[in-house]
Each structure stands twice: as structure tokens, then as C-alpha cells.
All heavy atoms as atom14 arrays in JSON, in Angstrom:
{
  "sequence": "HRTVRELAEAVDVLVVAASGGPDSVGIVGAAELAALGPQGHLVNIA",
  "atom14_mask": [
    [1, 1, 1, 1, 1, 1, 1, 1, 1, 1, 0, 0, 0, 0],
    [1, 1, 1, 1, 1, 1, 1, 1, 1, 1, 1, 0, 0, 0],
    [1, 1, 1, 1, 1, 1, 1, 0, 0, 0, 0, 0, 0, 0],
    [1, 1, 1, 1, 1, 1, 1, 0, 0, 0, 0, 0, 0, 0],
    [1, 1, 1, 1, 1, 1, 1, 1, 1, 1, 1, 0, 0, 0],
    [1, 1, 1, 1, 1, 1, 1, 1, 1, 0, 0, 0, 0, 0],
    [1, 1, 1, 1, 1, 1, 1, 1, 0, 0, 0, 0, 0, 0],
    [1, 1, 1, 1, 1, 0, 0, 0, 0, 0, 0, 0, 0, 0],
    [1, 1, 1, 1, 1, 1, 1, 1, 1, 0, 0, 0, 0, 0],
    [1, 1, 1, 1, 1, 0, 0, 0, 0, 0, 0, 0, 0, 0],
    [1, 1, 1, 1, 1, 1, 1, 0, 0, 0, 0, 0, 0, 0],
    [1, 1, 1, 1, 1, 1, 1, 1, 0, 0, 0, 0, 0, 0],
    [1, 1, 1, 1, 1, 1, 1, 0, 0, 0, 0, 0, 0, 0],
    [1, 1, 1, 1, 1, 1, 1, 1, 0, 0, 0, 0, 0, 0],
    [1, 1, 1, 1, 1, 1, 1, 0, 0, 0, 0, 0, 0, 0],
    [1, 1, 1, 1, 1, 1, 1, 0, 0, 0, 0, 0, 0, 0],
    [1, 1, 1, 1, 1, 0, 0, 0, 0, 0, 0, 0, 0, 0],
    [1, 1, 1, 1, 1, 0, 0, 0, 0, 0, 0, 0, 0, 0],
    [1, 1, 1, 1, 1, 1, 0, 0, 0, 0, 0, 0, 0, 0],
    [1, 1, 1, 1, 0, 0, 0, 0, 0, 0, 0, 0, 0, 0],
    [1, 1, 1, 1, 0, 0, 0, 0, 0, 0, 0, 0, 0, 0],
    [1, 1, 1, 1, 1, 1, 1, 0, 0, 0, 0, 0, 0, 0],
    [1, 1, 1, 1, 1, 1, 1, 1, 0, 0, 0, 0, 0, 0],
    [1, 1, 1, 1, 1, 1, 0, 0, 0, 0, 0, 0, 0, 0],
    [1, 1, 1, 1, 1, 1, 1, 0, 0, 0, 0, 0, 0, 0],
    [1, 1, 1, 1, 0, 0, 0, 0, 0, 0, 0, 0, 0, 0],
    [1, 1, 1, 1, 1, 1, 1, 1, 0, 0, 0, 0, 0, 0],
    [1, 1, 1, 1, 1, 1, 1, 0, 0, 0, 0, 0, 0, 0],
    [1, 1, 1, 1, 0, 0, 0, 0, 0, 0, 0, 0, 0, 0],
    [1, 1, 1, 1, 1, 0, 0, 0, 0, 0, 0, 0, 0, 0],
    [1, 1, 1, 1, 1, 0, 0, 0, 0, 0, 0, 0, 0, 0],
    [1, 1, 1, 1, 1, 1, 1, 1, 1, 0, 0, 0, 0, 0],
    [1, 1, 1, 1, 1, 1, 1, 1, 0, 0, 0, 0, 0, 0],
    [1, 1, 1, 1, 1, 0, 0, 0, 0, 0, 0, 0, 0, 0],
    [1, 1, 1, 1, 1, 0, 0, 0, 0, 0, 0, 0, 0, 0],
    [1, 1, 1, 1, 1, 1, 1, 1, 0, 0, 0, 0, 0, 0],
    [1, 1, 1, 1, 0, 0, 0, 0, 0, 0, 0, 0, 0, 0],
    [1, 1, 1, 1, 1, 1, 1, 0, 0, 0, 0, 0, 0, 0],
    [1, 1, 1, 1, 1, 1, 1, 1, 1, 0, 0, 0, 0, 0],
    [1, 1, 1, 1, 0, 0, 0, 0, 0, 0, 0, 0, 0, 0],
    [1, 1, 1, 1, 1, 1, 1, 1, 1, 1, 0, 0, 0, 0],
    [1, 1, 1, 1, 1, 1, 1, 1, 0, 0, 0, 0, 0, 0],
    [1, 1, 1, 1, 1, 1, 1, 0, 0, 0, 0, 0, 0, 0],
    [1, 1, 1, 1, 1, 1, 1, 1, 0, 0, 0, 0, 0, 0],
    [1, 1, 1, 1, 1, 1, 1, 1, 0, 0, 0, 0, 0, 0],
    [1, 1, 1, 1, 1, 0, 0, 0, 0, 0, 0, 0, 0, 0]
  ],
  "atom14_positions": [
    [[93.84, 119.63, 89.43], [95.22, 120.06, 89.61], [96.08, 119.45, 88.52], [95.92, 118.28, 88.16], [95.73, 119.63, 90.99], [95.03, 120.3, 92.12], [95.46, 121.49, 92.68], [93.9, 119.97, 92.79], [94.63, 121.85, 93.65], [93.68, 120.94, 93.73], [0.0, 0.0, 0.0], [0.0, 0.0, 0.0], [0.0, 0.0, 0.0], [0.0, 0.0, 0.0]],
    [[97.02, 120.23, 88.01], [97.81, 119.81, 86.86], [98.84, 118.72, 87.18], [99.22, 117.95, 86.31], [98.55, 121.02, 86.25], [97.63, 122.07, 85.65], [98.43, 123.21, 85.05], [99.25, 123.88, 86.06], [100.56, 123.77, 86.17], [101.22, 122.99, 85.31], [101.22, 124.4, 87.11], [0.0, 0.0, 0.0], [0.0, 0.0, 0.0], [0.0, 0.0, 0.0]],
    [[99.28, 118.67, 88.44], [100.29, 117.68, 88.82], [99.86, 116.96, 90.1], [99.03, 117.47, 90.87], [101.66, 118.32, 89.06], [101.6, 119.16, 90.22], [102.1, 119.16, 87.85], [0.0, 0.0, 0.0], [0.0, 0.0, 0.0], [0.0, 0.0, 0.0], [0.0, 0.0, 0.0], [0.0, 0.0, 0.0], [0.0, 0.0, 0.0], [0.0, 0.0, 0.0]],
    [[100.47, 115.8, 90.33], [100.18, 115.06, 91.55], [100.65, 115.85, 92.77], [99.98, 115.87, 93.81], [100.86, 113.67, 91.51], [100.56, 112.89, 92.78], [100.41, 112.89, 90.29], [0.0, 0.0, 0.0], [0.0, 0.0, 0.0], [0.0, 0.0, 0.0], [0.0, 0.0, 0.0], [0.0, 0.0, 0.0], [0.0, 0.0, 0.0], [0.0, 0.0, 0.0]],
    [[101.78, 116.51, 92.65], [102.31, 117.27, 93.79], [101.38, 118.43, 94.16], [101.13, 118.67, 95.34], [103.71, 117.81, 93.48], [104.39, 118.41, 94.71], [105.79, 118.93, 94.42], [106.62, 117.91, 93.82], [107.91, 118.08, 93.56], [108.51, 119.24, 93.84], [108.61, 117.11, 93.0], [0.0, 0.0, 0.0], [0.0, 0.0, 0.0], [0.0, 0.0, 0.0]],
    [[100.86, 119.11, 93.16], [99.92, 120.19, 93.44], [98.67, 119.66, 94.12], [98.12, 120.29, 95.03], [99.55, 120.91, 92.14], [100.66, 121.77, 91.56], [100.24, 122.43, 90.27], [99.06, 122.29, 89.88], [101.1, 123.08, 89.62], [0.0, 0.0, 0.0], [0.0, 0.0, 0.0], [0.0, 0.0, 0.0], [0.0, 0.0, 0.0], [0.0, 0.0, 0.0]],
    [[98.21, 118.49, 93.68], [97.06, 117.87, 94.31], [97.35, 117.54, 95.76], [96.55, 117.85, 96.66], [96.67, 116.61, 93.55], [95.52, 115.78, 94.14], [94.22, 116.57, 94.1], [95.37, 114.46, 93.39], [0.0, 0.0, 0.0], [0.0, 0.0, 0.0], [0.0, 0.0, 0.0], [0.0, 0.0, 0.0], [0.0, 0.0, 0.0], [0.0, 0.0, 0.0]],
    [[98.5, 116.93, 96.02], [98.86, 116.54, 97.38], [98.96, 117.74, 98.31], [98.57, 117.68, 99.48], [100.18, 115.77, 97.36], [0.0, 0.0, 0.0], [0.0, 0.0, 0.0], [0.0, 0.0, 0.0], [0.0, 0.0, 0.0], [0.0, 0.0, 0.0], [0.0, 0.0, 0.0], [0.0, 0.0, 0.0], [0.0, 0.0, 0.0], [0.0, 0.0, 0.0]],
    [[99.48, 118.84, 97.79], [99.61, 120.06, 98.61], [98.26, 120.62, 99.02], [98.13, 121.25, 100.07], [100.38, 121.12, 97.82], [101.86, 120.86, 97.69], [102.56, 121.88, 96.81], [101.83, 122.61, 96.08], [103.79, 121.96, 96.84], [0.0, 0.0, 0.0], [0.0, 0.0, 0.0], [0.0, 0.0, 0.0], [0.0, 0.0, 0.0], [0.0, 0.0, 0.0]],
    [[97.22, 120.36, 98.21], [95.93, 121.02, 98.42], [94.97, 120.22, 99.29], [93.91, 120.74, 99.66], [95.27, 121.28, 97.06], [0.0, 0.0, 0.0], [0.0, 0.0, 0.0], [0.0, 0.0, 0.0], [0.0, 0.0, 0.0], [0.0, 0.0, 0.0], [0.0, 0.0, 0.0], [0.0, 0.0, 0.0], [0.0, 0.0, 0.0], [0.0, 0.0, 0.0]],
    [[95.31, 118.96, 99.63], [94.32, 118.09, 100.26], [94.79, 117.56, 101.62], [95.97, 117.6, 101.95], [93.97, 116.91, 99.33], [93.43, 117.43, 98.0], [95.16, 115.99, 99.1], [0.0, 0.0, 0.0], [0.0, 0.0, 0.0], [0.0, 0.0, 0.0], [0.0, 0.0, 0.0], [0.0, 0.0, 0.0], [0.0, 0.0, 0.0], [0.0, 0.0, 0.0]],
    [[93.8, 117.04, 102.36], [94.08, 116.38, 103.64], [94.35, 114.9, 103.46], [95.11, 114.29, 104.22], [92.89, 116.53, 104.6], [92.49, 117.98, 104.82], [93.38, 118.8, 105.06], [91.28, 118.27, 104.72], [0.0, 0.0, 0.0], [0.0, 0.0, 0.0], [0.0, 0.0, 0.0], [0.0, 0.0, 0.0], [0.0, 0.0, 0.0], [0.0, 0.0, 0.0]],
    [[93.67, 114.3, 102.49], [93.79, 112.86, 102.22], [93.96, 112.67, 100.72], [93.23, 113.27, 99.93], [92.54, 112.09, 102.7], [92.73, 110.59, 102.48], [92.24, 112.39, 104.16], [0.0, 0.0, 0.0], [0.0, 0.0, 0.0], [0.0, 0.0, 0.0], [0.0, 0.0, 0.0], [0.0, 0.0, 0.0], [0.0, 0.0, 0.0], [0.0, 0.0, 0.0]],
    [[94.91, 111.83, 100.33], [95.13, 111.51, 98.93], [94.71, 110.06, 98.7], [95.26, 109.14, 99.31], [96.6, 111.68, 98.56], [96.98, 111.38, 97.1], [96.27, 112.34, 96.15], [98.5, 111.48, 96.91], [0.0, 0.0, 0.0], [0.0, 0.0, 0.0], [0.0, 0.0, 0.0], [0.0, 0.0, 0.0], [0.0, 0.0, 0.0], [0.0, 0.0, 0.0]],
    [[93.71, 109.85, 97.83], [93.22, 108.52, 97.5], [93.73, 108.16, 96.11], [93.43, 108.84, 95.13], [91.68, 108.45, 97.53], [91.21, 107.04, 97.16], [91.16, 108.84, 98.91], [0.0, 0.0, 0.0], [0.0, 0.0, 0.0], [0.0, 0.0, 0.0], [0.0, 0.0, 0.0], [0.0, 0.0, 0.0], [0.0, 0.0, 0.0], [0.0, 0.0, 0.0]],
    [[94.5, 107.08, 96.04], [95.11, 106.67, 94.78], [94.2, 105.68, 94.07], [93.94, 104.58, 94.58], [96.49, 106.04, 95.02], [97.14, 105.65, 93.68], [97.4, 107.01, 95.78], [0.0, 0.0, 0.0], [0.0, 0.0, 0.0], [0.0, 0.0, 0.0], [0.0, 0.0, 0.0], [0.0, 0.0, 0.0], [0.0, 0.0, 0.0], [0.0, 0.0, 0.0]],
    [[93.69, 106.08, 92.9], [92.81, 105.23, 92.1], [93.27, 105.21, 90.65], [92.49, 104.92, 89.76], [91.37, 105.74, 92.19], [0.0, 0.0, 0.0], [0.0, 0.0, 0.0], [0.0, 0.0, 0.0], [0.0, 0.0, 0.0], [0.0, 0.0, 0.0], [0.0, 0.0, 0.0], [0.0, 0.0, 0.0], [0.0, 0.0, 0.0], [0.0, 0.0, 0.0]],
    [[94.55, 105.49, 90.42], [95.09, 105.56, 89.06], [95.32, 104.17, 88.5], [95.55, 103.21, 89.24], [96.4, 106.35, 89.07], [0.0, 0.0, 0.0], [0.0, 0.0, 0.0], [0.0, 0.0, 0.0], [0.0, 0.0, 0.0], [0.0, 0.0, 0.0], [0.0, 0.0, 0.0], [0.0, 0.0, 0.0], [0.0, 0.0, 0.0], [0.0, 0.0, 0.0]],
    [[95.29, 104.06, 87.19], [95.59, 102.8, 86.53], [97.05, 102.45, 86.7], [97.92, 103.32, 86.78], [95.27, 102.89, 85.03], [93.9, 103.2, 84.82], [0.0, 0.0, 0.0], [0.0, 0.0, 0.0], [0.0, 0.0, 0.0], [0.0, 0.0, 0.0], [0.0, 0.0, 0.0], [0.0, 0.0, 0.0], [0.0, 0.0, 0.0], [0.0, 0.0, 0.0]],
    [[97.34, 101.13, 86.74], [98.71, 100.69, 86.79], [99.36, 100.77, 85.42], [98.76, 101.24, 84.46], [0.0, 0.0, 0.0], [0.0, 0.0, 0.0], [0.0, 0.0, 0.0], [0.0, 0.0, 0.0], [0.0, 0.0, 0.0], [0.0, 0.0, 0.0], [0.0, 0.0, 0.0], [0.0, 0.0, 0.0], [0.0, 0.0, 0.0], [0.0, 0.0, 0.0]],
    [[100.59, 100.3, 85.34], [101.31, 100.33, 84.06], [102.53, 101.21, 84.13], [102.74, 101.95, 85.11], [0.0, 0.0, 0.0], [0.0, 0.0, 0.0], [0.0, 0.0, 0.0], [0.0, 0.0, 0.0], [0.0, 0.0, 0.0], [0.0, 0.0, 0.0], [0.0, 0.0, 0.0], [0.0, 0.0, 0.0], [0.0, 0.0, 0.0], [0.0, 0.0, 0.0]],
    [[103.38, 101.17, 83.1], [104.65, 101.9, 83.13], [104.49, 103.4, 83.28], [105.37, 104.06, 83.86], [105.3, 101.54, 81.78], [104.27, 100.84, 80.98], [103.22, 100.34, 81.89], [0.0, 0.0, 0.0], [0.0, 0.0, 0.0], [0.0, 0.0, 0.0], [0.0, 0.0, 0.0], [0.0, 0.0, 0.0], [0.0, 0.0, 0.0], [0.0, 0.0, 0.0]],
    [[103.4, 103.97, 82.78], [103.23, 105.43, 82.85], [102.94, 105.93, 84.26], [103.08, 107.13, 84.53], [102.1, 105.88, 81.92], [102.44, 105.69, 80.45], [103.65, 105.56, 80.14], [101.52, 105.65, 79.63], [0.0, 0.0, 0.0], [0.0, 0.0, 0.0], [0.0, 0.0, 0.0], [0.0, 0.0, 0.0], [0.0, 0.0, 0.0], [0.0, 0.0, 0.0]],
    [[102.5, 105.04, 85.14], [102.12, 105.5, 86.48], [103.04, 104.99, 87.58], [102.79, 105.24, 88.76], [100.68, 105.07, 86.8], [100.56, 103.66, 86.81], [0.0, 0.0, 0.0], [0.0, 0.0, 0.0], [0.0, 0.0, 0.0], [0.0, 0.0, 0.0], [0.0, 0.0, 0.0], [0.0, 0.0, 0.0], [0.0, 0.0, 0.0], [0.0, 0.0, 0.0]],
    [[104.12, 104.32, 87.24], [105.03, 103.77, 88.25], [105.67, 104.92, 89.05], [106.28, 105.83, 88.5], [106.13, 102.91, 87.6], [107.19, 102.53, 88.62], [105.52, 101.67, 86.99], [0.0, 0.0, 0.0], [0.0, 0.0, 0.0], [0.0, 0.0, 0.0], [0.0, 0.0, 0.0], [0.0, 0.0, 0.0], [0.0, 0.0, 0.0], [0.0, 0.0, 0.0]],
    [[105.5, 104.88, 90.38], [106.16, 105.82, 91.27], [105.72, 107.26, 91.14], [106.46, 108.16, 91.56], [0.0, 0.0, 0.0], [0.0, 0.0, 0.0], [0.0, 0.0, 0.0], [0.0, 0.0, 0.0], [0.0, 0.0, 0.0], [0.0, 0.0, 0.0], [0.0, 0.0, 0.0], [0.0, 0.0, 0.0], [0.0, 0.0, 0.0], [0.0, 0.0, 0.0]],
    [[104.52, 107.52, 90.61], [104.12, 108.92, 90.45], [103.78, 109.57, 91.79], [103.72, 110.79, 91.88], [102.94, 109.08, 89.46], [101.71, 108.3, 89.91], [103.35, 108.66, 88.06], [100.49, 108.54, 89.05], [0.0, 0.0, 0.0], [0.0, 0.0, 0.0], [0.0, 0.0, 0.0], [0.0, 0.0, 0.0], [0.0, 0.0, 0.0], [0.0, 0.0, 0.0]],
    [[103.57, 108.76, 92.83], [103.52, 109.29, 94.19], [104.81, 108.89, 94.86], [105.01, 107.73, 95.25], [102.31, 108.73, 94.98], [102.31, 109.28, 96.4], [101.0, 109.07, 94.28], [0.0, 0.0, 0.0], [0.0, 0.0, 0.0], [0.0, 0.0, 0.0], [0.0, 0.0, 0.0], [0.0, 0.0, 0.0], [0.0, 0.0, 0.0], [0.0, 0.0, 0.0]],
    [[105.71, 109.84, 94.96], [107.03, 109.6, 95.53], [107.28, 110.44, 96.77], [106.34, 110.99, 97.36], [0.0, 0.0, 0.0], [0.0, 0.0, 0.0], [0.0, 0.0, 0.0], [0.0, 0.0, 0.0], [0.0, 0.0, 0.0], [0.0, 0.0, 0.0], [0.0, 0.0, 0.0], [0.0, 0.0, 0.0], [0.0, 0.0, 0.0], [0.0, 0.0, 0.0]],
    [[108.53, 110.56, 97.15], [108.89, 111.29, 98.38], [108.41, 112.74, 98.33], [107.92, 113.27, 99.34], [110.4, 111.22, 98.58], [0.0, 0.0, 0.0], [0.0, 0.0, 0.0], [0.0, 0.0, 0.0], [0.0, 0.0, 0.0], [0.0, 0.0, 0.0], [0.0, 0.0, 0.0], [0.0, 0.0, 0.0], [0.0, 0.0, 0.0], [0.0, 0.0, 0.0]],
    [[108.53, 113.39, 97.18], [108.14, 114.79, 97.08], [106.63, 114.95, 97.25], [106.17, 115.89, 97.91], [108.58, 115.36, 95.73], [0.0, 0.0, 0.0], [0.0, 0.0, 0.0], [0.0, 0.0, 0.0], [0.0, 0.0, 0.0], [0.0, 0.0, 0.0], [0.0, 0.0, 0.0], [0.0, 0.0, 0.0], [0.0, 0.0, 0.0], [0.0, 0.0, 0.0]],
    [[105.86, 114.05, 96.67], [104.4, 114.13, 96.78], [103.95, 113.82, 98.2], [103.02, 114.46, 98.72], [103.76, 113.15, 95.79], [103.87, 113.57, 94.33], [105.26, 113.41, 93.74], [106.03, 112.58, 94.26], [105.57, 114.12, 92.78], [0.0, 0.0, 0.0], [0.0, 0.0, 0.0], [0.0, 0.0, 0.0], [0.0, 0.0, 0.0], [0.0, 0.0, 0.0]],
    [[104.6, 112.87, 98.85], [104.26, 112.55, 100.24], [104.62, 113.71, 101.17], [103.86, 114.03, 102.09], [104.98, 111.27, 100.68], [104.51, 110.0, 99.94], [105.45, 108.84, 100.22], [103.08, 109.63, 100.33], [0.0, 0.0, 0.0], [0.0, 0.0, 0.0], [0.0, 0.0, 0.0], [0.0, 0.0, 0.0], [0.0, 0.0, 0.0], [0.0, 0.0, 0.0]],
    [[105.75, 114.35, 100.9], [106.12, 115.53, 101.7], [105.1, 116.65, 101.5], [104.76, 117.38, 102.44], [107.52, 116.0, 101.31], [0.0, 0.0, 0.0], [0.0, 0.0, 0.0], [0.0, 0.0, 0.0], [0.0, 0.0, 0.0], [0.0, 0.0, 0.0], [0.0, 0.0, 0.0], [0.0, 0.0, 0.0], [0.0, 0.0, 0.0], [0.0, 0.0, 0.0]],
    [[104.6, 116.78, 100.27], [103.6, 117.81, 99.99], [102.29, 117.51, 100.72], [101.57, 118.42, 101.14], [103.35, 117.9, 98.49], [0.0, 0.0, 0.0], [0.0, 0.0, 0.0], [0.0, 0.0, 0.0], [0.0, 0.0, 0.0], [0.0, 0.0, 0.0], [0.0, 0.0, 0.0], [0.0, 0.0, 0.0], [0.0, 0.0, 0.0], [0.0, 0.0, 0.0]],
    [[101.97, 116.23, 100.89], [100.77, 115.84, 101.63], [100.87, 116.28, 103.09], [99.88, 116.73, 103.68], [100.57, 114.33, 101.52], [99.28, 113.72, 102.04], [98.06, 114.35, 101.38], [99.28, 112.2, 101.81], [0.0, 0.0, 0.0], [0.0, 0.0, 0.0], [0.0, 0.0, 0.0], [0.0, 0.0, 0.0], [0.0, 0.0, 0.0], [0.0, 0.0, 0.0]],
    [[102.04, 116.14, 103.66], [102.32, 116.74, 104.97], [102.06, 115.85, 106.17], [101.43, 114.8, 106.08], [0.0, 0.0, 0.0], [0.0, 0.0, 0.0], [0.0, 0.0, 0.0], [0.0, 0.0, 0.0], [0.0, 0.0, 0.0], [0.0, 0.0, 0.0], [0.0, 0.0, 0.0], [0.0, 0.0, 0.0], [0.0, 0.0, 0.0], [0.0, 0.0, 0.0]],
    [[102.54, 116.3, 107.34], [102.49, 115.48, 108.56], [101.09, 115.23, 109.11], [100.92, 114.36, 109.96], [103.35, 116.26, 109.55], [103.36, 117.66, 109.04], [103.28, 117.56, 107.56], [0.0, 0.0, 0.0], [0.0, 0.0, 0.0], [0.0, 0.0, 0.0], [0.0, 0.0, 0.0], [0.0, 0.0, 0.0], [0.0, 0.0, 0.0], [0.0, 0.0, 0.0]],
    [[100.09, 115.97, 108.65], [98.7, 115.72, 109.04], [97.93, 115.01, 107.94], [96.74, 114.74, 108.09], [98.0, 117.06, 109.37], [98.65, 117.85, 110.49], [98.73, 117.04, 111.78], [97.77, 116.38, 112.18], [99.89, 117.1, 112.43], [0.0, 0.0, 0.0], [0.0, 0.0, 0.0], [0.0, 0.0, 0.0], [0.0, 0.0, 0.0], [0.0, 0.0, 0.0]],
    [[98.61, 114.69, 106.85], [97.94, 114.09, 105.69], [97.91, 112.58, 105.76], [98.72, 111.92, 106.42], [0.0, 0.0, 0.0], [0.0, 0.0, 0.0], [0.0, 0.0, 0.0], [0.0, 0.0, 0.0], [0.0, 0.0, 0.0], [0.0, 0.0, 0.0], [0.0, 0.0, 0.0], [0.0, 0.0, 0.0], [0.0, 0.0, 0.0], [0.0, 0.0, 0.0]],
    [[96.95, 112.0, 105.04], [96.79, 110.55, 104.97], [96.74, 110.1, 103.52], [96.26, 110.83, 102.64], [95.5, 110.11, 105.68], [95.5, 110.37, 107.15], [95.23, 111.62, 107.69], [95.72, 109.55, 108.21], [95.28, 111.55, 109.0], [95.58, 110.31, 109.34], [0.0, 0.0, 0.0], [0.0, 0.0, 0.0], [0.0, 0.0, 0.0], [0.0, 0.0, 0.0]],
    [[97.19, 108.86, 103.29], [97.18, 108.27, 101.95], [96.35, 107.0, 101.97], [96.45, 106.19, 102.9], [98.61, 107.92, 101.52], [98.73, 107.19, 100.17], [98.81, 108.22, 99.04], [99.95, 106.28, 100.13], [0.0, 0.0, 0.0], [0.0, 0.0, 0.0], [0.0, 0.0, 0.0], [0.0, 0.0, 0.0], [0.0, 0.0, 0.0], [0.0, 0.0, 0.0]],
    [[95.51, 106.81, 100.94], [94.77, 105.57, 100.75], [95.07, 105.08, 99.34], [94.95, 105.83, 98.38], [93.24, 105.79, 100.92], [92.47, 104.54, 100.5], [92.91, 106.17, 102.35], [0.0, 0.0, 0.0], [0.0, 0.0, 0.0], [0.0, 0.0, 0.0], [0.0, 0.0, 0.0], [0.0, 0.0, 0.0], [0.0, 0.0, 0.0], [0.0, 0.0, 0.0]],
    [[95.47, 103.8, 99.21], [95.8, 103.26, 97.89], [95.01, 101.98, 97.64], [95.21, 100.96, 98.32], [97.29, 102.97, 97.78], [97.7, 102.58, 96.36], [96.89, 102.59, 95.44], [98.97, 102.26, 96.17], [0.0, 0.0, 0.0], [0.0, 0.0, 0.0], [0.0, 0.0, 0.0], [0.0, 0.0, 0.0], [0.0, 0.0, 0.0], [0.0, 0.0, 0.0]],
    [[94.1, 102.03, 96.65], [93.35, 100.84, 96.23], [93.6, 100.57, 94.75], [92.86, 99.82, 94.12], [91.83, 100.99, 96.51], [91.28, 102.33, 95.98], [91.56, 100.88, 98.0], [91.02, 102.41, 94.55], [0.0, 0.0, 0.0], [0.0, 0.0, 0.0], [0.0, 0.0, 0.0], [0.0, 0.0, 0.0], [0.0, 0.0, 0.0], [0.0, 0.0, 0.0]],
    [[94.65, 101.17, 94.18], [94.91, 101.08, 92.74], [95.9, 99.95, 92.44], [95.52, 98.79, 92.29], [95.43, 102.42, 92.23], [0.0, 0.0, 0.0], [0.0, 0.0, 0.0], [0.0, 0.0, 0.0], [0.0, 0.0, 0.0], [0.0, 0.0, 0.0], [0.0, 0.0, 0.0], [0.0, 0.0, 0.0], [0.0, 0.0, 0.0], [0.0, 0.0, 0.0]]
  ]
}
């Protein structure tokens, strides 16, 4: 998927494994979480 939001819209669970640093700060925000939806789950180990 070309964007994080498109990815979130397409999946049941979003697993965050992206590298840290200035380029990735806040790339999962309110819009991406809304796209994940009320039945969606987030896992962050990054």
C-alpha cells in the first residue's frame, strides 16, 4: 500500500515495525487510527 492510511483501511491489525527518527514521527495519527476502525487492533514494537 502506498500510504499508511491505505494500509490501515485494508487490515484488521496494524503492526508497527518502522524505524524511528524524524522521518517517522507521528506517521500513525488520528486519521490512520480512524481508518483502522472500531474492530481494528494496533501492535507497536518499533
